[in-house]
PDB file of N, CA and C in Angstrom:
ATOM      1  N   MET A   1       0.829  -1.171  -0.020  1.00  0.00           N
ATOM      2  CA  MET A   1       0.010  -0.055  -0.056  1.00  0.00           C
ATOM      3  C   MET A   1       0.886   1.319   0.007  1.00  0.00           C
ATOM      4  N   ARG A   2       2.051   1.127   0.539  1.00  0.00           N
ATOM      5  CA  ARG A   2       2.889   2.291   0.617  1.00  0.00           C
ATOM      6  C   ARG A   2       3.171   2.949  -0.799  1.00  0.00           C
ATOM      7  N   THR A   3       3.089   2.155  -1.766  1.00  0.00           N
ATOM      8  CA  THR A   3       3.215   2.708  -3.127  1.00  0.00           C
ATOM      9  C   THR A   3       2.159   3.753  -3.391  1.00  0.00           C
ATOM     10  N   PHE A   4       1.045   3.710  -2.896  1.00  0.00           N
ATOM     11  CA  PHE A   4      -0.003   4.691  -3.236  1.00  0.00           C
ATOM     12  C   PHE A   4      -0.165   5.751  -2.201  1.00  0.00           C
ATOM     13  N   ASP A   5       0.573   5.691  -1.052  1.00  0.00           N
ATOM     14  CA  ASP A   5       0.320   6.717   0.022  1.00  0.00           C
ATOM     15  C   ASP A   5       0.293   8.113  -0.454  1.00  0.00           C
ATOM     16  N   ARG A   6       1.371   8.606  -1.162  1.00  0.00           N
ATOM     17  CA  ARG A   6       1.499   9.907  -1.565  1.00  0.00           C
ATOM     18  C   ARG A   6       0.508  10.278  -2.615  1.00  0.00           C
ATOM     19  N   LEU A   7       0.326   9.420  -3.543  1.00  0.00           N
ATOM     20  CA  LEU A   7      -0.741   9.639  -4.593  1.00  0.00           C
ATOM     21  C   LEU A   7      -2.073   9.776  -4.061  1.00  0.00           C
ATOM     22  N   PHE A   8      -2.407   8.864  -3.211  1.00  0.00           N
ATOM     23  CA  PHE A   8      -3.839   8.925  -2.732  1.00  0.00           C
ATOM     24  C   PHE A   8      -4.018  10.216  -1.831  1.00  0.00           C
ATOM     25  N   LYS A   9      -3.076  10.483  -1.009  1.00  0.00           N
ATOM     26  CA  LYS A   9      -3.229  11.711  -0.204  1.00  0.00           C
ATOM     27  C   LYS A   9      -3.425  12.967  -1.073  1.00  0.00           C
ATOM     28  N   LYS A  10      -2.565  13.017  -2.100  1.00  0.00           N
ATOM     29  CA  LYS A  10      -2.546  14.188  -3.020  1.00  0.00           C
ATOM     30  C   LYS A  10      -3.977  14.268  -3.659  1.00  0.00           C
ATOM     31  N   LEU A  11      -4.455  13.162  -4.170  1.00  0.00           N
ATOM     32  CA  LEU A  11      -5.716  13.155  -4.852  1.00  0.00           C
ATOM     33  C   LEU A  11      -6.833  13.549  -3.927  1.00  0.00           C
ATOM     34  N   LEU A  12      -6.826  12.963  -2.732  1.00  0.00           N
ATOM     35  CA  LEU A  12      -7.887  13.329  -1.696  1.00  0.00           C
ATOM     36  C   LEU A  12      -7.811  14.736  -1.226  1.00  0.00           C
ATOM     37  N   GLU A  13      -6.641  15.353  -1.147  1.00  0.00           N
ATOM     38  CA  GLU A  13      -6.472  16.758  -0.900  1.00  0.00           C
ATOM     39  C   GLU A  13      -7.065  17.572  -2.033  1.00  0.00           C
ATOM     40  N   GLN A  14      -7.141  17.128  -3.180  1.00  0.00           N
ATOM     41  CA  GLN A  14      -7.699  17.883  -4.313  1.00  0.00           C
ATOM     42  C   GLN A  14      -9.161  17.685  -4.420  1.00  0.00           C
ATOM     43  N   GLY A  15      -9.677  16.814  -3.518  1.00  0.00           N
ATOM     44  CA  GLY A  15     -11.160  16.574  -3.452  1.00  0.00           C
ATOM     45  C   GLY A  15     -11.569  15.421  -4.336  1.00  0.00           C
ATOM     46  N   VAL A  16     -10.692  14.609  -4.840  1.00  0.00           N
ATOM     47  CA  VAL A  16     -10.975  13.466  -5.605  1.00  0.00           C
ATOM     48  C   VAL A  16     -11.467  12.371  -4.722  1.00  0.00           C
ATOM     49  N   LYS A  17     -12.588  11.724  -5.006  1.00  0.00           N
ATOM     50  CA  LYS A  17     -13.070  10.625  -4.226  1.00  0.00           C
ATOM     51  C   LYS A  17     -12.526   9.312  -4.810  1.00  0.00           C
ATOM     52  N   ILE A  18     -11.982   8.514  -3.917  1.00  0.00           N
ATOM     53  CA  ILE A  18     -11.379   7.245  -4.275  1.00  0.00           C
ATOM     54  C   ILE A  18     -12.181   6.119  -3.609  1.00  0.00           C
ATOM     55  N   TYR A  19     -12.505   5.158  -4.475  1.00  0.00           N
ATOM     56  CA  TYR A  19     -13.270   3.950  -3.954  1.00  0.00           C
ATOM     57  C   TYR A  19     -12.478   2.738  -4.302  1.00  0.00           C
ATOM     58  N   ILE A  20     -12.287   1.817  -3.337  1.00  0.00           N
ATOM     59  CA  ILE A  20     -11.661   0.598  -3.617  1.00  0.00           C
ATOM     60  C   ILE A  20     -12.548  -0.575  -3.314  1.00  0.00           C
ATOM     61  N   ILE A  21     -12.625  -1.533  -4.216  1.00  0.00           N
ATOM     62  CA  ILE A  21     -13.561  -2.675  -4.104  1.00  0.00           C
ATOM     63  C   ILE A  21     -12.625  -3.917  -3.967  1.00  0.00           C
ATOM     64  N   THR A  22     -12.651  -4.564  -2.846  1.00  0.00           N
ATOM     65  CA  THR A  22     -11.786  -5.696  -2.636  1.00  0.00           C
ATOM     66  C   THR A  22     -12.441  -6.822  -1.809  1.00  0.00           C
ATOM     67  N   ARG A  23     -11.743  -7.914  -1.828  1.00  0.00           N
ATOM     68  CA  ARG A  23     -12.217  -9.107  -1.075  1.00  0.00           C
ATOM     69  C   ARG A  23     -12.124  -8.886   0.343  1.00  0.00           C
ATOM     70  N   ASN A  24     -13.069  -9.402   1.035  1.00  0.00           N
ATOM     71  CA  ASN A  24     -13.142  -9.291   2.475  1.00  0.00           C
ATOM     72  C   ASN A  24     -11.757 -10.029   3.007  1.00  0.00           C
ATOM     73  N   PRO A  25     -10.991  -9.330   3.906  1.00  0.00           N
ATOM     74  CA  PRO A  25      -9.761  -9.961   4.380  1.00  0.00           C
ATOM     75  C   PRO A  25      -9.952 -11.325   5.001  1.00  0.00           C
ATOM     76  N   LYS A  26     -11.115 -11.564   5.530  1.00  0.00           N
ATOM     77  CA  LYS A  26     -11.359 -12.839   6.229  1.00  0.00           C
ATOM     78  C   LYS A  26     -11.249 -14.056   5.235  1.00  0.00           C
ATOM     79  N   GLU A  27     -11.328 -13.748   3.954  1.00  0.00           N
ATOM     80  CA  GLU A  27     -11.225 -14.736   2.914  1.00  0.00           C
ATOM     81  C   GLU A  27      -9.873 -15.115   2.561  1.00  0.00           C
ATOM     82  N   HIS A  28      -8.934 -14.356   3.092  1.00  0.00           N
ATOM     83  CA  HIS A  28      -7.447 -14.514   2.802  1.00  0.00           C
ATOM     84  C   HIS A  28      -6.786 -15.473   3.795  1.00  0.00           C
ATOM     85  N   GLU A  29      -5.636 -16.030   3.420  1.00  0.00           N
ATOM     86  CA  GLU A  29      -4.858 -16.751   4.387  1.00  0.00           C
ATOM     87  C   GLU A  29      -4.446 -15.765   5.547  1.00  0.00           C
ATOM     88  N   LEU A  30      -3.956 -16.233   6.611  1.00  0.00           N
ATOM     89  CA  LEU A  30      -3.630 -15.363   7.771  1.00  0.00           C
ATOM     90  C   LEU A  30      -2.729 -14.234   7.437  1.00  0.00           C
ATOM     91  N   GLY A  31      -1.560 -14.558   6.939  1.00  0.00           N
ATOM     92  CA  GLY A  31      -0.635 -13.502   6.575  1.00  0.00           C
ATOM     93  C   GLY A  31      -1.120 -12.348   5.592  1.00  0.00           C
ATOM     94  N   MET A  32      -1.878 -12.834   4.679  1.00  0.00           N
ATOM     95  CA  MET A  32      -2.423 -11.859   3.654  1.00  0.00           C
ATOM     96  C   MET A  32      -3.620 -11.197   4.366  1.00  0.00           C
ATOM     97  N   GLU A  33      -4.376 -11.844   5.209  1.00  0.00           N
ATOM     98  CA  GLU A  33      -5.471 -11.201   5.938  1.00  0.00           C
ATOM     99  C   GLU A  33      -5.003 -10.080   6.762  1.00  0.00           C
ATOM    100  N   ILE A  34      -3.920 -10.159   7.443  1.00  0.00           N
ATOM    101  CA  ILE A  34      -3.427  -9.137   8.263  1.00  0.00           C
ATOM    102  C   ILE A  34      -2.870  -8.003   7.367  1.00  0.00           C
ATOM    103  N   GLN A  35      -2.215  -8.271   6.373  1.00  0.00           N
ATOM    104  CA  GLN A  35      -1.710  -7.242   5.378  1.00  0.00           C
ATOM    105  C   GLN A  35      -2.905  -6.484   4.716  1.00  0.00           C
ATOM    106  N   SER A  36      -3.891  -7.212   4.363  1.00  0.00           N
ATOM    107  CA  SER A  36      -5.079  -6.661   3.734  1.00  0.00           C
ATOM    108  C   SER A  36      -5.828  -5.749   4.735  1.00  0.00           C
ATOM    109  N   GLU A  37      -5.916  -6.198   5.979  1.00  0.00           N
ATOM    110  CA  GLU A  37      -6.587  -5.348   7.016  1.00  0.00           C
ATOM    111  C   GLU A  37      -5.918  -4.077   7.289  1.00  0.00           C
ATOM    112  N   ASP A  38      -4.563  -4.218   7.271  1.00  0.00           N
ATOM    113  CA  ASP A  38      -3.756  -3.018   7.584  1.00  0.00           C
ATOM    114  C   ASP A  38      -3.889  -2.015   6.403  1.00  0.00           C
ATOM    115  N   ALA A  39      -3.863  -2.501   5.192  1.00  0.00           N
ATOM    116  CA  ALA A  39      -4.010  -1.633   4.031  1.00  0.00           C
ATOM    117  C   ALA A  39      -5.373  -0.972   3.981  1.00  0.00           C
ATOM    118  N   ILE A  40      -6.393  -1.747   4.271  1.00  0.00           N
ATOM    119  CA  ILE A  40      -7.711  -1.234   4.275  1.00  0.00           C
ATOM    120  C   ILE A  40      -7.951  -0.164   5.386  1.00  0.00           C
ATOM    121  N   SER A  41      -7.322  -0.388   6.577  1.00  0.00           N
ATOM    122  CA  SER A  41      -7.357   0.513   7.746  1.00  0.00           C
ATOM    123  C   SER A  41      -6.768   1.787   7.333  1.00  0.00           C
ATOM    124  N   TRP A  42      -5.539   1.695   6.593  1.00  0.00           N
ATOM    125  CA  TRP A  42      -4.849   3.017   6.188  1.00  0.00           C
ATOM    126  C   TRP A  42      -5.790   3.741   5.235  1.00  0.00           C
ATOM    127  N   CYS A  43      -6.370   3.067   4.228  1.00  0.00           N
ATOM    128  CA  CYS A  43      -7.210   3.721   3.265  1.00  0.00           C
ATOM    129  C   CYS A  43      -8.378   4.406   3.858  1.00  0.00           C
ATOM    130  N   GLU A  44      -9.074   3.723   4.877  1.00  0.00           N
ATOM    131  CA  GLU A  44     -10.209   4.298   5.435  1.00  0.00           C
ATOM    132  C   GLU A  44      -9.771   5.525   6.330  1.00  0.00           C
ATOM    133  N   MET A  45      -8.604   5.445   6.926  1.00  0.00           N
ATOM    134  CA  MET A  45      -8.091   6.478   7.767  1.00  0.00           C
ATOM    135  C   MET A  45      -7.868   7.741   6.999  1.00  0.00           C
ATOM    136  N   VAL A  46      -7.346   7.675   5.745  1.00  0.00           N
ATOM    137  CA  VAL A  46      -7.025   8.860   4.964  1.00  0.00           C
ATOM    138  C   VAL A  46      -8.223   9.320   4.126  1.00  0.00           C
ATOM    139  N   GLY A  47      -9.346   8.513   4.111  1.00  0.00           N
ATOM    140  CA  GLY A  47     -10.559   8.975   3.412  1.00  0.00           C
ATOM    141  C   GLY A  47     -10.905   8.226   2.130  1.00  0.00           C
ATOM    142  N   VAL A  48     -10.218   7.116   1.817  1.00  0.00           N
ATOM    143  CA  VAL A  48     -10.581   6.282   0.697  1.00  0.00           C
ATOM    144  C   VAL A  48     -11.771   5.384   1.124  1.00  0.00           C
ATOM    145  N   GLN A  49     -12.818   5.279   0.370  1.00  0.00           N
ATOM    146  CA  GLN A  49     -13.951   4.432   0.619  1.00  0.00           C
ATOM    147  C   GLN A  49     -13.638   3.024   0.169  1.00  0.00           C
ATOM    148  N   VAL A  50     -13.693   2.065   1.055  1.00  0.00           N
ATOM    149  CA  VAL A  50     -13.412   0.704   0.671  1.00  0.00           C
ATOM    150  C   VAL A  50     -14.666  -0.146   0.813  1.00  0.00           C
ATOM    151  N   PHE A  51     -14.949  -0.900  -0.350  1.00  0.00           N
ATOM    152  CA  PHE A  51     -16.022  -1.904  -0.273  1.00  0.00           C
ATOM    153  C   PHE A  51     -15.538  -3.222  -0.174  1.00  0.00           C
ATOM    154  N   LEU A  52     -16.053  -4.018   0.695  1.00  0.00           N
ATOM    155  CA  LEU A  52     -15.610  -5.411   0.884  1.00  0.00           C
ATOM    156  C   LEU A  52     -16.673  -6.260   0.188  1.00  0.00           C
ATOM    157  N   ILE A  53     -16.116  -7.144  -0.675  1.00  0.00           N
ATOM    158  CA  ILE A  53     -17.055  -7.961  -1.313  1.00  0.00           C
ATOM    159  C   ILE A  53     -16.727  -9.432  -0.994  1.00  0.00           C
ATOM    160  N   ALA A  54     -17.755 -10.220  -0.517  1.00  0.00           N
ATOM    161  CA  ALA A  54     -17.599 -11.553  -0.019  1.00  0.00           C
ATOM    162  C   ALA A  54     -17.952 -12.505  -1.205  1.00  0.00           C
ATOM    163  N   GLY A  55     -17.461 -13.722  -1.059  1.00  0.00           N
ATOM    164  CA  GLY A  55     -17.883 -14.760  -2.049  1.00  0.00           C
ATOM    165  C   GLY A  55     -17.005 -14.905  -3.233  1.00  0.00           C
ATOM    166  N   ASN A  56     -15.752 -15.284  -3.049  1.00  0.00           N
ATOM    167  CA  ASN A  56     -14.785 -15.527  -4.083  1.00  0.00           C
ATOM    168  C   ASN A  56     -14.566 -14.286  -5.087  1.00  0.00           C
ATOM    169  N   HIS A  57     -14.686 -13.130  -4.443  1.00  0.00           N
ATOM    170  CA  HIS A  57     -14.311 -11.961  -5.319  1.00  0.00           C
ATOM    171  C   HIS A  57     -12.933 -11.956  -5.720  1.00  0.00           C
ATOM    172  N   HIS A  58     -12.632 -11.862  -6.953  1.00  0.00           N
ATOM    173  CA  HIS A  58     -11.275 -11.849  -7.488  1.00  0.00           C
ATOM    174  C   HIS A  58     -10.994 -10.692  -8.315  1.00  0.00           C
ATOM    175  N   ARG A  59     -11.858  -9.682  -8.478  1.00  0.00           N
ATOM    176  CA  ARG A  59     -11.689  -8.600  -9.333  1.00  0.00           C
ATOM    177  C   ARG A  59     -10.653  -7.658  -8.666  1.00  0.00           C
ATOM    178  N   LYS A  60      -9.866  -6.954  -9.500  1.00  0.00           N
ATOM    179  CA  LYS A  60      -9.019  -5.851  -8.972  1.00  0.00           C
ATOM    180  C   LYS A  60      -9.426  -4.602  -9.602  1.00  0.00           C
ATOM    181  N   LEU A  61     -10.066  -3.758  -8.839  1.00  0.00           N
ATOM    182  CA  LEU A  61     -10.655  -2.548  -9.365  1.00  0.00           C
ATOM    183  C   LEU A  61     -10.261  -1.328  -8.423  1.00  0.00           C
ATOM    184  N   ALA A  62     -10.251  -0.175  -8.997  1.00  0.00           N
ATOM    185  CA  ALA A  62     -10.156   1.046  -8.209  1.00  0.00           C
ATOM    186  C   ALA A  62     -10.902   2.061  -9.084  1.00  0.00           C
ATOM    187  N   LEU A  63     -11.765   2.873  -8.396  1.00  0.00           N
ATOM    188  CA  LEU A  63     -12.556   3.883  -9.120  1.00  0.00           C
ATOM    189  C   LEU A  63     -12.270   5.269  -8.512  1.00  0.00           C
ATOM    190  N   LEU A  64     -11.882   6.189  -9.349  1.00  0.00           N
ATOM    191  CA  LEU A  64     -11.419   7.573  -8.822  1.00  0.00           C
ATOM    192  C   LEU A  64     -12.494   8.557  -9.355  1.00  0.00           C
ATOM    193  N   ASP A  65     -13.180   9.186  -8.404  1.00  0.00           N
ATOM    194  CA  ASP A  65     -14.058  10.404  -8.654  1.00  0.00           C
ATOM    195  C   ASP A  65     -15.127  10.033  -9.689  1.00  0.00           C
ATOM    196  N   ARG A  66     -15.551   8.774  -9.759  1.00  0.00           N
ATOM    197  CA  ARG A  66     -16.548   8.393 -10.819  1.00  0.00           C
ATOM    198  C   ARG A  66     -16.070   8.624 -12.226  1.00  0.00           C
ATOM    199  N   LYS A  67     -14.832   8.907 -12.412  1.00  0.00           N
ATOM    200  CA  LYS A  67     -14.360   9.299 -13.728  1.00  0.00           C
ATOM    201  C   LYS A  67     -13.233   8.329 -14.234  1.00  0.00           C
ATOM    202  N   VAL A  68     -12.547   7.812 -13.307  1.00  0.00           N
ATOM    203  CA  VAL A  68     -11.341   6.894 -13.698  1.00  0.00           C
ATOM    204  C   VAL A  68     -11.451   5.538 -13.126  1.00  0.00           C
ATOM    205  N   LEU A  69     -11.394   4.570 -14.016  1.00  0.00           N
ATOM    206  CA  LEU A  69     -11.429   3.131 -13.580  1.00  0.00           C
ATOM    207  C   LEU A  69     -10.069   2.532 -13.817  1.00  0.00           C
ATOM    208  N   TRP A  70      -9.617   1.814 -12.710  1.00  0.00           N
ATOM    209  CA  TRP A  70      -8.460   1.024 -12.789  1.00  0.00           C
ATOM    210  C   TRP A  70      -8.898  -0.453 -12.689  1.00  0.00           C
ATOM    211  N   GLU A  71      -8.499  -1.264 -13.727  1.00  0.00           N
ATOM    212  CA  GLU A  71      -8.827  -2.671 -13.617  1.00  0.00           C
ATOM    213  C   GLU A  71      -7.778  -3.472 -14.098  1.00  0.00           C
ATOM    214  N   GLY A  72      -7.543  -4.672 -13.654  1.00  0.00           N
ATOM    215  CA  GLY A  72      -6.425  -5.523 -14.117  1.00  0.00           C
ATOM    216  C   GLY A  72      -6.336  -6.750 -13.204  1.00  0.00           C
ATOM    217  N   SER A  73      -5.070  -7.194 -13.189  1.00  0.00           N
ATOM    218  CA  SER A  73      -4.703  -8.428 -12.452  1.00  0.00           C
ATOM    219  C   SER A  73      -3.858  -8.127 -11.204  1.00  0.00           C
ATOM    220  N   LEU A  74      -3.492  -6.885 -11.023  1.00  0.00           N
ATOM    221  CA  LEU A  74      -2.577  -6.514  -9.922  1.00  0.00           C
ATOM    222  C   LEU A  74      -3.495  -6.491  -8.588  1.00  0.00           C
ATOM    223  N   ASN A  75      -2.971  -7.170  -7.562  1.00  0.00           N
ATOM    224  CA  ASN A  75      -3.589  -7.037  -6.238  1.00  0.00           C
ATOM    225  C   ASN A  75      -3.155  -5.710  -5.594  1.00  0.00           C
ATOM    226  N   ILE A  76      -4.035  -4.749  -5.744  1.00  0.00           N
ATOM    227  CA  ILE A  76      -3.781  -3.368  -5.409  1.00  0.00           C
ATOM    228  C   ILE A  76      -3.314  -3.163  -3.986  1.00  0.00           C
ATOM    229  N   LEU A  77      -4.020  -3.851  -3.057  1.00  0.00           N
ATOM    230  CA  LEU A  77      -3.697  -3.630  -1.661  1.00  0.00           C
ATOM    231  C   LEU A  77      -2.635  -4.597  -1.103  1.00  0.00           C
ATOM    232  N   SER A  78      -2.151  -5.488  -1.885  1.00  0.00           N
ATOM    233  CA  SER A  78      -1.124  -6.400  -1.265  1.00  0.00           C
ATOM    234  C   SER A  78      -0.031  -6.853  -2.320  1.00  0.00           C
ATOM    235  N   GLN A  79       0.198  -5.970  -3.288  1.00  0.00           N
ATOM    236  CA  GLN A  79       1.220  -6.416  -4.248  1.00  0.00           C
ATOM    237  C   GLN A  79       2.666  -6.091  -3.687  1.00  0.00           C
ATOM    238  N   ASN A  80       3.584  -6.868  -4.159  1.00  0.00           N
ATOM    239  CA  ASN A  80       4.947  -6.682  -3.824  1.00  0.00           C
ATOM    240  C   ASN A  80       5.788  -7.357  -4.879  1.00  0.00           C
ATOM    241  N   LYS A  81       6.603  -6.544  -5.650  1.00  0.00           N
ATOM    242  CA  LYS A  81       7.477  -7.025  -6.687  1.00  0.00           C
ATOM    243  C   LYS A  81       6.618  -7.829  -7.692  1.00  0.00           C
ATOM    244  N   SER A  82       5.545  -7.251  -8.103  1.00  0.00           N
ATOM    245  CA  SER A  82       4.640  -8.002  -8.939  1.00  0.00           C
ATOM    246  C   SER A  82       4.892  -7.770 -10.441  1.00  0.00           C
ATOM    247  N   ARG A  83       4.522  -8.621 -11.289  1.00  0.00           N
ATOM    248  CA  ARG A  83       4.584  -8.380 -12.681  1.00  0.00           C
ATOM    249  C   ARG A  83       3.105  -8.283 -13.238  1.00  0.00           C
ATOM    250  N   GLU A  84       2.081  -8.135 -12.373  1.00  0.00           N
ATOM    251  CA  GLU A  84       0.774  -7.945 -12.792  1.00  0.00           C
ATOM    252  C   GLU A  84       0.588  -6.596 -13.361  1.00  0.00           C
ATOM    253  N   ILE A  85      -0.613  -6.369 -13.929  1.00  0.00           N
ATOM    254  CA  ILE A  85      -0.783  -5.061 -14.582  1.00  0.00           C
ATOM    255  C   ILE A  85      -2.185  -4.459 -14.083  1.00  0.00           C
ATOM    256  N   MET A  86      -2.258  -3.199 -14.355  1.00  0.00           N
ATOM    257  CA  MET A  86      -3.502  -2.452 -14.134  1.00  0.00           C
ATOM    258  C   MET A  86      -3.716  -1.536 -15.367  1.00  0.00           C
ATOM    259  N   ARG A  87      -4.976  -1.377 -15.837  1.00  0.00           N
ATOM    260  CA  ARG A  87      -5.302  -0.553 -16.895  1.00  0.00           C
ATOM    261  C   ARG A  87      -6.070   0.648 -16.461  1.00  0.00           C
ATOM    262  N   ARG A  88      -5.602   1.769 -16.785  1.00  0.00           N
ATOM    263  CA  ARG A  88      -6.314   3.067 -16.374  1.00  0.00           C
ATOM    264  C   ARG A  88      -7.205   3.557 -17.547  1.00  0.00           C
ATOM    265  N   ILE A  89      -8.539   3.658 -17.152  1.00  0.00           N
ATOM    266  CA  ILE A  89      -9.455   4.141 -18.189  1.00  0.00           C
ATOM    267  C   ILE A  89     -10.070   5.416 -17.718  1.00  0.00           C
ATOM    268  N   GLU A  90      -9.905   6.458 -18.418  1.00  0.00           N
ATOM    269  CA  GLU A  90     -10.592   7.772 -18.093  1.00  0.00           C
ATOM    270  C   GLU A  90     -11.941   7.850 -18.802  1.00  0.00           C
ATOM    271  N   SER A  91     -13.028   7.428 -18.158  1.00  0.00           N
ATOM    272  CA  SER A  91     -14.337   7.420 -18.731  1.00  0.00           C
ATOM    273  C   SER A  91     -15.386   7.341 -17.680  1.00  0.00           C
ATOM    274  N   PRO A  92     -16.082   8.494 -17.452  1.00  0.00           N
ATOM    275  CA  PRO A  92     -17.159   8.413 -16.567  1.00  0.00           C
ATOM    276  C   PRO A  92     -18.214   7.354 -16.844  1.00  0.00           C
ATOM    277  N   GLU A  93     -18.530   7.242 -18.217  1.00  0.00           N
ATOM    278  CA  GLU A  93     -19.506   6.218 -18.634  1.00  0.00           C
ATOM    279  C   GLU A  93     -19.077   4.831 -18.254  1.00  0.00           C
ATOM    280  N   LEU A  94     -17.771   4.393 -18.563  1.00  0.00           N
ATOM    281  CA  LEU A  94     -17.294   3.080 -18.256  1.00  0.00           C
ATOM    282  C   LEU A  94     -17.198   2.803 -16.721  1.00  0.00           C
ATOM    283  N   THR A  95     -16.868   3.872 -16.079  1.00  0.00           N
ATOM    284  CA  THR A  95     -16.687   3.762 -14.561  1.00  0.00           C
ATOM    285  C   THR A  95     -18.153   3.505 -13.967  1.00  0.00           C
ATOM    286  N   MET A  96     -19.138   4.242 -14.432  1.00  0.00           N
ATOM    287  CA  MET A  96     -20.484   4.019 -13.989  1.00  0.00           C
ATOM    288  C   MET A  96     -21.089   2.668 -14.386  1.00  0.00           C
ATOM    289  N   GLN A  97     -20.642   2.193 -15.618  1.00  0.00           N
ATOM    290  CA  GLN A  97     -21.078   0.896 -16.063  1.00  0.00           C
ATOM    291  C   GLN A  97     -20.538  -0.122 -15.068  1.00  0.00           C
ATOM    292  N   MET A  98     -19.340   0.042 -14.621  1.00  0.00           N
ATOM    293  CA  MET A  98     -18.696  -0.915 -13.685  1.00  0.00           C
ATOM    294  C   MET A  98     -19.394  -0.908 -12.373  1.00  0.00           C
ATOM    295  N   LEU A  99     -19.806   0.326 -11.873  1.00  0.00           N
ATOM    296  CA  LEU A  99     -20.454   0.352 -10.707  1.00  0.00           C
ATOM    297  C   LEU A  99     -21.783  -0.252 -10.743  1.00  0.00           C
ATOM    298  N   SER A 100     -22.553  -0.130 -11.956  1.00  0.00           N
ATOM    299  CA  SER A 100     -23.760  -0.677 -12.128  1.00  0.00           C
ATOM    300  C   SER A 100     -23.633  -2.269 -12.166  1.00  0.00           C
ATOM    301  N   PHE A 101     -22.639  -2.711 -12.830  1.00  0.00           N
ATOM    302  CA  PHE A 101     -22.515  -4.133 -12.927  1.00  0.00           C
ATOM    303  C   PHE A 101     -22.184  -4.763 -11.561  1.00  0.00           C
ATOM    304  N   LEU A 102     -21.426  -4.098 -10.628  1.00  0.00           N
ATOM    305  CA  LEU A 102     -21.161  -4.538  -9.271  1.00  0.00           C
ATOM    306  C   LEU A 102     -22.295  -4.254  -8.368  1.00  0.00           C
ATOM    307  N   LYS A 103     -23.360  -3.643  -8.870  1.00  0.00           N
ATOM    308  CA  LYS A 103     -24.539  -3.221  -8.079  1.00  0.00           C
ATOM    309  C   LYS A 103     -24.020  -2.246  -6.870  1.00  0.00           C
ATOM    310  N   LEU A 104     -23.124  -1.346  -7.199  1.00  0.00           N
ATOM    311  CA  LEU A 104     -22.631  -0.438  -6.180  1.00  0.00           C
ATOM    312  C   LEU A 104     -23.052   1.148  -6.489  1.00  0.00           C
ATOM    313  N   GLU A 105     -23.686   1.288  -7.664  1.00  0.00           N
ATOM    314  CA  GLU A 105     -23.882   2.716  -8.031  1.00  0.00           C
ATOM    315  C   GLU A 105     -24.818   3.436  -6.999  1.00  0.00           C
ATOM    316  N   LYS A 106     -25.730   2.774  -6.396  1.00  0.00           N
ATOM    317  CA  LYS A 106     -26.489   3.363  -5.356  1.00  0.00           C
ATOM    318  C   LYS A 106     -25.769   3.716  -4.068  1.00  0.00           C
ATOM    319  N   PHE A 107     -24.595   3.166  -3.833  1.00  0.00           N
ATOM    320  CA  PHE A 107     -23.855   3.525  -2.731  1.00  0.00           C
ATOM    321  C   PHE A 107     -22.802   4.699  -2.902  1.00  0.00           C
ATOM    322  N   LEU A 108     -22.575   5.013  -4.199  1.00  0.00           N
ATOM    323  CA  LEU A 108     -21.550   5.992  -4.392  1.00  0.00           C
ATOM    324  C   LEU A 108     -22.129   7.230  -4.930  1.00  0.00           C
TER     325      LEU A 108
END
């Protein structure tokens, strides 16, 4: 999570709303559960809204200000020396489509 510390803080200071949708930490193995809980706690402490999805959630998504969608294979909250990728899409329409698909648009 430390990779995103400065970036998230800067965006939040500019009034950008950041939403992270992730698996419930209880569904991880113990070591990853603790790391995930720590990252989620930090996000919530600085003002990032985190949605926990139960039931074999494997999507890796981040939505910024209802305008930017990050999606890919990178474990955003627990990556370390990863070769996974994320794709950044600047599109309010596609971001809202994703929120609708996840049935989260009413919460955001």
